[in-house]
PDB file of N, CA and C in Angstrom:
ATOM      1  N   MET A   1       9.373  10.733  18.776  1.00  0.00           N
ATOM      2  CA  MET A   1       9.345   9.292  18.508  1.00  0.00           C
ATOM      3  C   MET A   1       7.962   8.874  17.985  1.00  0.00           C
ATOM      4  N   LYS A   2       6.927   9.427  18.610  1.00  0.00           N
ATOM      5  CA  LYS A   2       5.576   9.081  18.185  1.00  0.00           C
ATOM      6  C   LYS A   2       5.318   9.535  16.750  1.00  0.00           C
ATOM      7  N   LYS A   3       5.841  10.706  16.416  1.00  0.00           N
ATOM      8  CA  LYS A   3       5.663  11.235  15.060  1.00  0.00           C
ATOM      9  C   LYS A   3       6.301  10.297  14.034  1.00  0.00           C
ATOM     10  N   LEU A   4       7.451   9.730  14.383  1.00  0.00           N
ATOM     11  CA  LEU A   4       8.146   8.804  13.481  1.00  0.00           C
ATOM     12  C   LEU A   4       7.295   7.554  13.258  1.00  0.00           C
ATOM     13  N   ASN A   5       6.674   7.066  14.333  1.00  0.00           N
ATOM     14  CA  ASN A   5       5.816   5.882  14.201  1.00  0.00           C
ATOM     15  C   ASN A   5       4.624   6.158  13.300  1.00  0.00           C
ATOM     16  N   ILE A   6       4.029   7.327  13.423  1.00  0.00           N
ATOM     17  CA  ILE A   6       2.902   7.711  12.575  1.00  0.00           C
ATOM     18  C   ILE A   6       3.366   7.777  11.125  1.00  0.00           C
ATOM     19  N   PHE A   7       4.540   8.340  10.906  1.00  0.00           N
ATOM     20  CA  PHE A   7       5.102   8.442   9.562  1.00  0.00           C
ATOM     21  C   PHE A   7       5.323   7.049   8.966  1.00  0.00           C
ATOM     22  N   LYS A   8       5.891   6.158   9.773  1.00  0.00           N
ATOM     23  CA  LYS A   8       6.128   4.780   9.321  1.00  0.00           C
ATOM     24  C   LYS A   8       4.818   4.096   8.981  1.00  0.00           C
ATOM     25  N   ALA A   9       3.810   4.291   9.812  1.00  0.00           N
ATOM     26  CA  ALA A   9       2.502   3.679   9.558  1.00  0.00           C
ATOM     27  C   ALA A   9       1.915   4.225   8.261  1.00  0.00           C
ATOM     28  N   TYR A  10       2.091   5.527   8.011  1.00  0.00           N
ATOM     29  CA  TYR A  10       1.593   6.142   6.786  1.00  0.00           C
ATOM     30  C   TYR A  10       2.277   5.542   5.557  1.00  0.00           C
ATOM     31  N   ILE A  11       3.596   5.405   5.627  1.00  0.00           N
ATOM     32  CA  ILE A  11       4.362   4.822   4.519  1.00  0.00           C
ATOM     33  C   ILE A  11       3.931   3.368   4.286  1.00  0.00           C
ATOM     34  N   ALA A  12       3.769   2.612   5.365  1.00  0.00           N
ATOM     35  CA  ALA A  12       3.348   1.216   5.245  1.00  0.00           C
ATOM     36  C   ALA A  12       1.978   1.142   4.590  1.00  0.00           C
ATOM     37  N   ASN A  13       1.090   2.051   4.970  1.00  0.00           N
ATOM     38  CA  ASN A  13      -0.257   2.069   4.405  1.00  0.00           C
ATOM     39  C   ASN A  13      -0.213   2.418   2.925  1.00  0.00           C
ATOM     40  N   GLN A  14       0.623   3.383   2.551  1.00  0.00           N
ATOM     41  CA  GLN A  14       0.762   3.756   1.143  1.00  0.00           C
ATOM     42  C   GLN A  14       1.288   2.574   0.330  1.00  0.00           C
ATOM     43  N   GLY A  15       2.277   1.883   0.873  1.00  0.00           N
ATOM     44  CA  GLY A  15       2.848   0.727   0.197  1.00  0.00           C
ATOM     45  C   GLY A  15       1.809  -0.367   0.018  1.00  0.00           C
ATOM     46  N   PHE A  16       1.001  -0.581   1.049  1.00  0.00           N
ATOM     47  CA  PHE A  16      -0.039  -1.603   0.983  1.00  0.00           C
ATOM     48  C   PHE A  16      -1.085  -1.235  -0.069  1.00  0.00           C
ATOM     49  N   THR A  17      -1.455   0.034  -0.115  1.00  0.00           N
ATOM     50  CA  THR A  17      -2.443   0.506  -1.094  1.00  0.00           C
ATOM     51  C   THR A  17      -1.897   0.330  -2.507  1.00  0.00           C
ATOM     52  N   TRP A  18      -0.620   0.690  -2.693  1.00  0.00           N
ATOM     53  CA  TRP A  18       0.021   0.557  -3.997  1.00  0.00           C
ATOM     54  C   TRP A  18       0.068  -0.907  -4.422  1.00  0.00           C
ATOM     55  N   TYR A  19       0.446  -1.775  -3.499  1.00  0.00           N
ATOM     56  CA  TYR A  19       0.504  -3.210  -3.783  1.00  0.00           C
ATOM     57  C   TYR A  19      -0.881  -3.739  -4.138  1.00  0.00           C
ATOM     58  N   ASN A  20      -1.896  -3.292  -3.400  1.00  0.00           N
ATOM     59  CA  ASN A  20      -3.270  -3.724  -3.659  1.00  0.00           C
ATOM     60  C   ASN A  20      -3.717  -3.325  -5.056  1.00  0.00           C
ATOM     61  N   SER A  21      -3.416  -2.109  -5.466  1.00  0.00           N
ATOM     62  CA  SER A  21      -3.846  -1.645  -6.784  1.00  0.00           C
ATOM     63  C   SER A  21      -3.132  -2.430  -7.891  1.00  0.00           C
ATOM     64  N   ILE A  22      -1.872  -2.785  -7.680  1.00  0.00           N
ATOM     65  CA  ILE A  22      -1.138  -3.599  -8.659  1.00  0.00           C
ATOM     66  C   ILE A  22      -1.784  -4.988  -8.745  1.00  0.00           C
ATOM     67  N   ALA A  23      -2.083  -5.575  -7.589  1.00  0.00           N
ATOM     68  CA  ALA A  23      -2.701  -6.899  -7.562  1.00  0.00           C
ATOM     69  C   ALA A  23      -4.074  -6.859  -8.228  1.00  0.00           C
ATOM     70  N   LEU A  24      -4.808  -5.792  -7.990  1.00  0.00           N
ATOM     71  CA  LEU A  24      -6.131  -5.638  -8.591  1.00  0.00           C
ATOM     72  C   LEU A  24      -6.022  -5.528 -10.105  1.00  0.00           C
ATOM     73  N   GLN A  25      -5.070  -4.747 -10.582  1.00  0.00           N
ATOM     74  CA  GLN A  25      -4.863  -4.604 -12.022  1.00  0.00           C
ATOM     75  C   GLN A  25      -4.465  -5.941 -12.638  1.00  0.00           C
ATOM     76  N   ALA A  26      -3.631  -6.690 -11.949  1.00  0.00           N
ATOM     77  CA  ALA A  26      -3.212  -8.003 -12.449  1.00  0.00           C
ATOM     78  C   ALA A  26      -4.423  -8.932 -12.554  1.00  0.00           C
ATOM     79  N   THR A  27      -5.293  -8.858 -11.564  1.00  0.00           N
ATOM     80  CA  THR A  27      -6.505  -9.691 -11.581  1.00  0.00           C
ATOM     81  C   THR A  27      -7.396  -9.307 -12.752  1.00  0.00           C
ATOM     82  N   ILE A  28      -7.538  -8.020 -12.989  1.00  0.00           N
ATOM     83  CA  ILE A  28      -8.365  -7.537 -14.102  1.00  0.00           C
ATOM     84  C   ILE A  28      -7.769  -8.012 -15.430  1.00  0.00           C
ATOM     85  N   TRP A  29      -6.457  -7.937 -15.553  1.00  0.00           N
ATOM     86  CA  TRP A  29      -5.807  -8.369 -16.795  1.00  0.00           C
ATOM     87  C   TRP A  29      -5.981  -9.867 -17.030  1.00  0.00           C
ATOM     88  N   GLU A  30      -5.987 -10.649 -15.950  1.00  0.00           N
ATOM     89  CA  GLU A  30      -6.127 -12.107 -16.087  1.00  0.00           C
ATOM     90  C   GLU A  30      -7.500 -12.473 -16.614  1.00  0.00           C
ATOM     91  N   ASN A  31      -8.537 -11.710 -16.215  1.00  0.00           N
ATOM     92  CA  ASN A  31      -9.913 -12.073 -16.564  1.00  0.00           C
ATOM     93  C   ASN A  31     -10.344 -11.588 -17.925  1.00  0.00           C
TER      94      ASN A  31
END
């Protein structure tokens, strides 16, 4: 069960990083 939680946290972190990079690129394009 603990391993599953770690996996979920890893996926959530990857998704957040991906979203951040998209938002950053959008900001760069706007400027």
